[in-house]
Amino acid sequence: MVQAMKKNFIKKVAKKLNVSEKISSNRRNGRIKKEYLKSRPGCKVTFRLPKDAAPQAQIVNIAGDFNNWDKDHTKMKQLKNGDFTITLELEKGREYRFRYLIDNRRWENDWFADKYVPNLYGGDDSVVVV
């Protein structure tokens, strides 16, 4: 009964906001959230770097396929709890490689990425599947 009530509430809110139900990455505590848009073929993806990944960070940027790996272009917002977050609208039906750049000197992967793929530098890139 409670589950049905929650589901109906989520559908009503999604309809009001003109987005489909929020879908979080596979059992990932909602760290990467995906909102598929109904009005166009896009998806709002919210990336979140937890404070534990960069406890002393002052600035975190996200770089990836979606911004031509421009490490200065996409700055994340720091929340009161110390996490960093950003929401980007990405094209559906694609996979995007990305990484976080902490204080312009250290790269970090997303702990909750959909998957990881090797990069040319001997490490791995995080991947979000939209």
C-alpha atoms as a PDB file:
ATOM      1  CA  MET A   1       0.000   0.000   0.000  1.00  0.00           C
ATOM      2  CA  VAL A   2       2.726   2.499   0.985  1.00  0.00           C
ATOM      3  CA  GLN A   3       4.833   1.567  -2.051  1.00  0.00           C
ATOM      4  CA  ALA A   4       1.872   2.205  -4.363  1.00  0.00           C
ATOM      5  CA  MET A   5       1.276   5.592  -2.734  1.00  0.00           C
ATOM      6  CA  LYS A   6       4.958   6.544  -3.188  1.00  0.00           C
ATOM      7  CA  LYS A   7       4.905   5.471  -6.824  1.00  0.00           C
ATOM      8  CA  ASN A   8       1.766   7.503  -7.559  1.00  0.00           C
ATOM      9  CA  PHE A   9       3.238  10.555  -5.827  1.00  0.00           C
ATOM     10  CA  ILE A  10       6.461  10.314  -7.860  1.00  0.00           C
ATOM     11  CA  LYS A  11       4.473  10.004 -11.101  1.00  0.00           C
ATOM     12  CA  LYS A  12       2.376  13.079 -10.253  1.00  0.00           C
ATOM     13  CA  VAL A  13       5.449  15.169  -9.431  1.00  0.00           C
ATOM     14  CA  ALA A  14       7.257  13.967 -12.567  1.00  0.00           C
ATOM     15  CA  LYS A  15       4.250  14.860 -14.711  1.00  0.00           C
ATOM     16  CA  LYS A  16       4.091  18.332 -13.145  1.00  0.00           C
ATOM     17  CA  LEU A  17       7.810  18.889 -13.801  1.00  0.00           C
ATOM     18  CA  ASN A  18       7.515  17.425 -17.321  1.00  0.00           C
ATOM     19  CA  VAL A  19      10.122  14.743 -16.633  1.00  0.00           C
ATOM     20  CA  SER A  20       9.902  11.023 -16.210  1.00  0.00           C
ATOM     21  CA  GLU A  21      10.425   9.468 -12.792  1.00  0.00           C
ATOM     22  CA  LYS A  22      13.873  10.038 -11.340  1.00  0.00           C
ATOM     23  CA  ILE A  23      16.011   7.005 -11.933  1.00  0.00           C
ATOM     24  CA  SER A  24      19.198   6.587  -9.962  1.00  0.00           C
ATOM     25  CA  SER A  25      22.103   4.526 -11.199  1.00  0.00           C
ATOM     26  CA  ASN A  26      21.901   0.835 -10.301  1.00  0.00           C
ATOM     27  CA  ARG A  27      21.449   0.671  -6.531  1.00  0.00           C
ATOM     28  CA  ARG A  28      23.894   3.529  -6.134  1.00  0.00           C
ATOM     29  CA  ASN A  29      22.217   5.513  -3.349  1.00  0.00           C
ATOM     30  CA  GLY A  30      21.284   8.084  -5.959  1.00  0.00           C
ATOM     31  CA  ARG A  31      24.784   9.479  -6.421  1.00  0.00           C
ATOM     32  CA  ILE A  32      24.287   9.756 -10.189  1.00  0.00           C
ATOM     33  CA  LYS A  33      20.672  10.640 -10.837  1.00  0.00           C
ATOM     34  CA  LYS A  34      19.045  10.557 -14.235  1.00  0.00           C
ATOM     35  CA  GLU A  35      15.860  12.370 -15.180  1.00  0.00           C
ATOM     36  CA  TYR A  36      14.676  11.450 -18.673  1.00  0.00           C
ATOM     37  CA  LEU A  37      12.873  14.339 -20.315  1.00  0.00           C
ATOM     38  CA  LYS A  38       9.533  13.801 -22.015  1.00  0.00           C
ATOM     39  CA  SER A  39       9.573  16.933 -24.176  1.00  0.00           C
ATOM     40  CA  ARG A  40      12.874  16.232 -25.974  1.00  0.00           C
ATOM     41  CA  PRO A  41      15.419  13.418 -26.329  1.00  0.00           C
ATOM     42  CA  GLY A  42      17.564  14.413 -23.396  1.00  0.00           C
ATOM     43  CA  CYS A  43      18.334  13.406 -19.871  1.00  0.00           C
ATOM     44  CA  LYS A  44      19.248  15.594 -16.909  1.00  0.00           C
ATOM     45  CA  VAL A  45      22.131  13.855 -15.176  1.00  0.00           C
ATOM     46  CA  THR A  46      23.161  14.959 -11.699  1.00  0.00           C
ATOM     47  CA  PHE A  47      26.739  14.087 -10.811  1.00  0.00           C
ATOM     48  CA  ARG A  48      27.837  14.141  -7.181  1.00  0.00           C
ATOM     49  CA  LEU A  49      31.325  13.858  -5.768  1.00  0.00           C
ATOM     50  CA  PRO A  50      31.111  13.030  -2.050  1.00  0.00           C
ATOM     51  CA  LYS A  51      33.184  14.972   0.456  1.00  0.00           C
ATOM     52  CA  ASP A  52      34.948  11.708   1.368  1.00  0.00           C
ATOM     53  CA  ALA A  53      36.503  11.633  -2.115  1.00  0.00           C
ATOM     54  CA  ALA A  54      37.969  15.119  -1.759  1.00  0.00           C
ATOM     55  CA  PRO A  55      37.748  16.265   1.878  1.00  0.00           C
ATOM     56  CA  GLN A  56      39.959  19.363   1.475  1.00  0.00           C
ATOM     57  CA  ALA A  57      38.819  20.348  -2.037  1.00  0.00           C
ATOM     58  CA  GLN A  58      38.208  23.992  -2.809  1.00  0.00           C
ATOM     59  CA  ILE A  59      37.242  23.623  -6.492  1.00  0.00           C
ATOM     60  CA  VAL A  60      36.026  20.600  -8.439  1.00  0.00           C
ATOM     61  CA  ASN A  61      35.450  20.580 -12.189  1.00  0.00           C
ATOM     62  CA  ILE A  62      33.982  17.775 -14.262  1.00  0.00           C
ATOM     63  CA  ALA A  63      35.485  17.002 -17.643  1.00  0.00           C
ATOM     64  CA  GLY A  64      34.402  14.434 -20.178  1.00  0.00           C
ATOM     65  CA  ASP A  65      33.034  13.621 -23.597  1.00  0.00           C
ATOM     66  CA  PHE A  66      30.142  16.044 -23.015  1.00  0.00           C
ATOM     67  CA  ASN A  67      32.416  19.120 -22.799  1.00  0.00           C
ATOM     68  CA  ASN A  68      35.325  18.003 -25.008  1.00  0.00           C
ATOM     69  CA  TRP A  69      37.351  17.221 -21.861  1.00  0.00           C
ATOM     70  CA  ASP A  70      37.652  20.923 -21.072  1.00  0.00           C
ATOM     71  CA  LYS A  71      38.936  20.852 -17.492  1.00  0.00           C
ATOM     72  CA  ASP A  72      38.099  24.534 -16.875  1.00  0.00           C
ATOM     73  CA  HIS A  73      34.619  24.758 -18.407  1.00  0.00           C
ATOM     74  CA  THR A  74      32.294  22.892 -16.037  1.00  0.00           C
ATOM     75  CA  LYS A  75      32.687  23.873 -12.385  1.00  0.00           C
ATOM     76  CA  MET A  76      30.720  21.953  -9.773  1.00  0.00           C
ATOM     77  CA  LYS A  77      28.846  23.572  -6.885  1.00  0.00           C
ATOM     78  CA  GLN A  78      29.907  22.766  -3.329  1.00  0.00           C
ATOM     79  CA  LEU A  79      27.039  21.868  -0.994  1.00  0.00           C
ATOM     80  CA  LYS A  80      26.905  22.673   2.728  1.00  0.00           C
ATOM     81  CA  ASN A  81      27.768  19.045   3.557  1.00  0.00           C
ATOM     82  CA  GLY A  82      30.993  19.296   1.513  1.00  0.00           C
ATOM     83  CA  ASP A  83      29.813  17.272  -1.500  1.00  0.00           C
ATOM     84  CA  PHE A  84      30.175  18.761  -4.979  1.00  0.00           C
ATOM     85  CA  THR A  85      27.345  18.516  -7.516  1.00  0.00           C
ATOM     86  CA  ILE A  86      26.294  19.554 -11.004  1.00  0.00           C
ATOM     87  CA  THR A  87      23.387  18.745 -13.297  1.00  0.00           C
ATOM     88  CA  LEU A  88      23.973  18.493 -17.042  1.00  0.00           C
ATOM     89  CA  GLU A  89      21.533  17.782 -19.843  1.00  0.00           C
ATOM     90  CA  LEU A  90      22.930  14.968 -21.979  1.00  0.00           C
ATOM     91  CA  GLU A  91      21.684  13.294 -25.148  1.00  0.00           C
ATOM     92  CA  LYS A  92      19.963   9.941 -24.588  1.00  0.00           C
ATOM     93  CA  GLY A  93      21.266   6.706 -26.085  1.00  0.00           C
ATOM     94  CA  ARG A  94      24.928   7.433 -25.445  1.00  0.00           C
ATOM     95  CA  GLU A  95      27.730   6.628 -23.040  1.00  0.00           C
ATOM     96  CA  TYR A  96      29.888   9.450 -21.744  1.00  0.00           C
ATOM     97  CA  ARG A  97      33.372   9.104 -20.260  1.00  0.00           C
ATOM     98  CA  PHE A  98      34.210  11.592 -17.536  1.00  0.00           C
ATOM     99  CA  ARG A  99      36.372  12.358 -14.498  1.00  0.00           C
ATOM    100  CA  TYR A 100      36.509  14.937 -11.732  1.00  0.00           C
ATOM    101  CA  LEU A 101      39.434  17.377 -11.475  1.00  0.00           C
ATOM    102  CA  ILE A 102      40.065  18.382  -7.869  1.00  0.00           C
ATOM    103  CA  ASP A 103      41.779  21.732  -7.228  1.00  0.00           C
ATOM    104  CA  ASN A 104      43.172  21.637 -10.778  1.00  0.00           C
ATOM    105  CA  ARG A 105      45.764  19.016  -9.821  1.00  0.00           C
ATOM    106  CA  ARG A 106      44.206  15.616  -9.007  1.00  0.00           C
ATOM    107  CA  TRP A 107      41.853  13.475 -11.095  1.00  0.00           C
ATOM    108  CA  GLU A 108      39.227  11.332  -9.376  1.00  0.00           C
ATOM    109  CA  ASN A 109      36.774   8.787 -10.746  1.00  0.00           C
ATOM    110  CA  ASP A 110      33.128   8.648  -9.774  1.00  0.00           C
ATOM    111  CA  TRP A 111      32.679   5.924  -7.165  1.00  0.00           C
ATOM    112  CA  PHE A 112      29.141   5.311  -8.426  1.00  0.00           C
ATOM    113  CA  ALA A 113      29.711   5.343 -12.206  1.00  0.00           C
ATOM    114  CA  ASP A 114      27.756   2.943 -14.387  1.00  0.00           C
ATOM    115  CA  LYS A 115      31.058   1.425 -15.495  1.00  0.00           C
ATOM    116  CA  TYR A 116      34.752   2.153 -15.998  1.00  0.00           C
ATOM    117  CA  VAL A 117      36.891   1.923 -19.138  1.00  0.00           C
ATOM    118  CA  PRO A 118      40.677   2.121 -19.519  1.00  0.00           C
ATOM    119  CA  ASN A 119      42.058   5.430 -20.782  1.00  0.00           C
ATOM    120  CA  LEU A 120      45.263   6.271 -22.664  1.00  0.00           C
ATOM    121  CA  TYR A 121      47.038   7.379 -19.477  1.00  0.00           C
ATOM    122  CA  GLY A 122      47.130   4.015 -17.719  1.00  0.00           C
ATOM    123  CA  GLY A 123      44.067   4.647 -15.565  1.00  0.00           C
ATOM    124  CA  ASP A 124      40.329   4.329 -15.967  1.00  0.00           C
ATOM    125  CA  ASP A 125      37.613   6.792 -16.920  1.00  0.00           C
ATOM    126  CA  SER A 126      34.208   6.780 -15.291  1.00  0.00           C
ATOM    127  CA  VAL A 127      31.258   6.194 -17.632  1.00  0.00           C
ATOM    128  CA  VAL A 128      27.640   7.237 -17.342  1.00  0.00           C
ATOM    129  CA  VAL A 129      25.165   5.480 -19.625  1.00  0.00           C
ATOM    130  CA  VAL A 130      22.221   7.646 -20.611  1.00  0.00           C
END
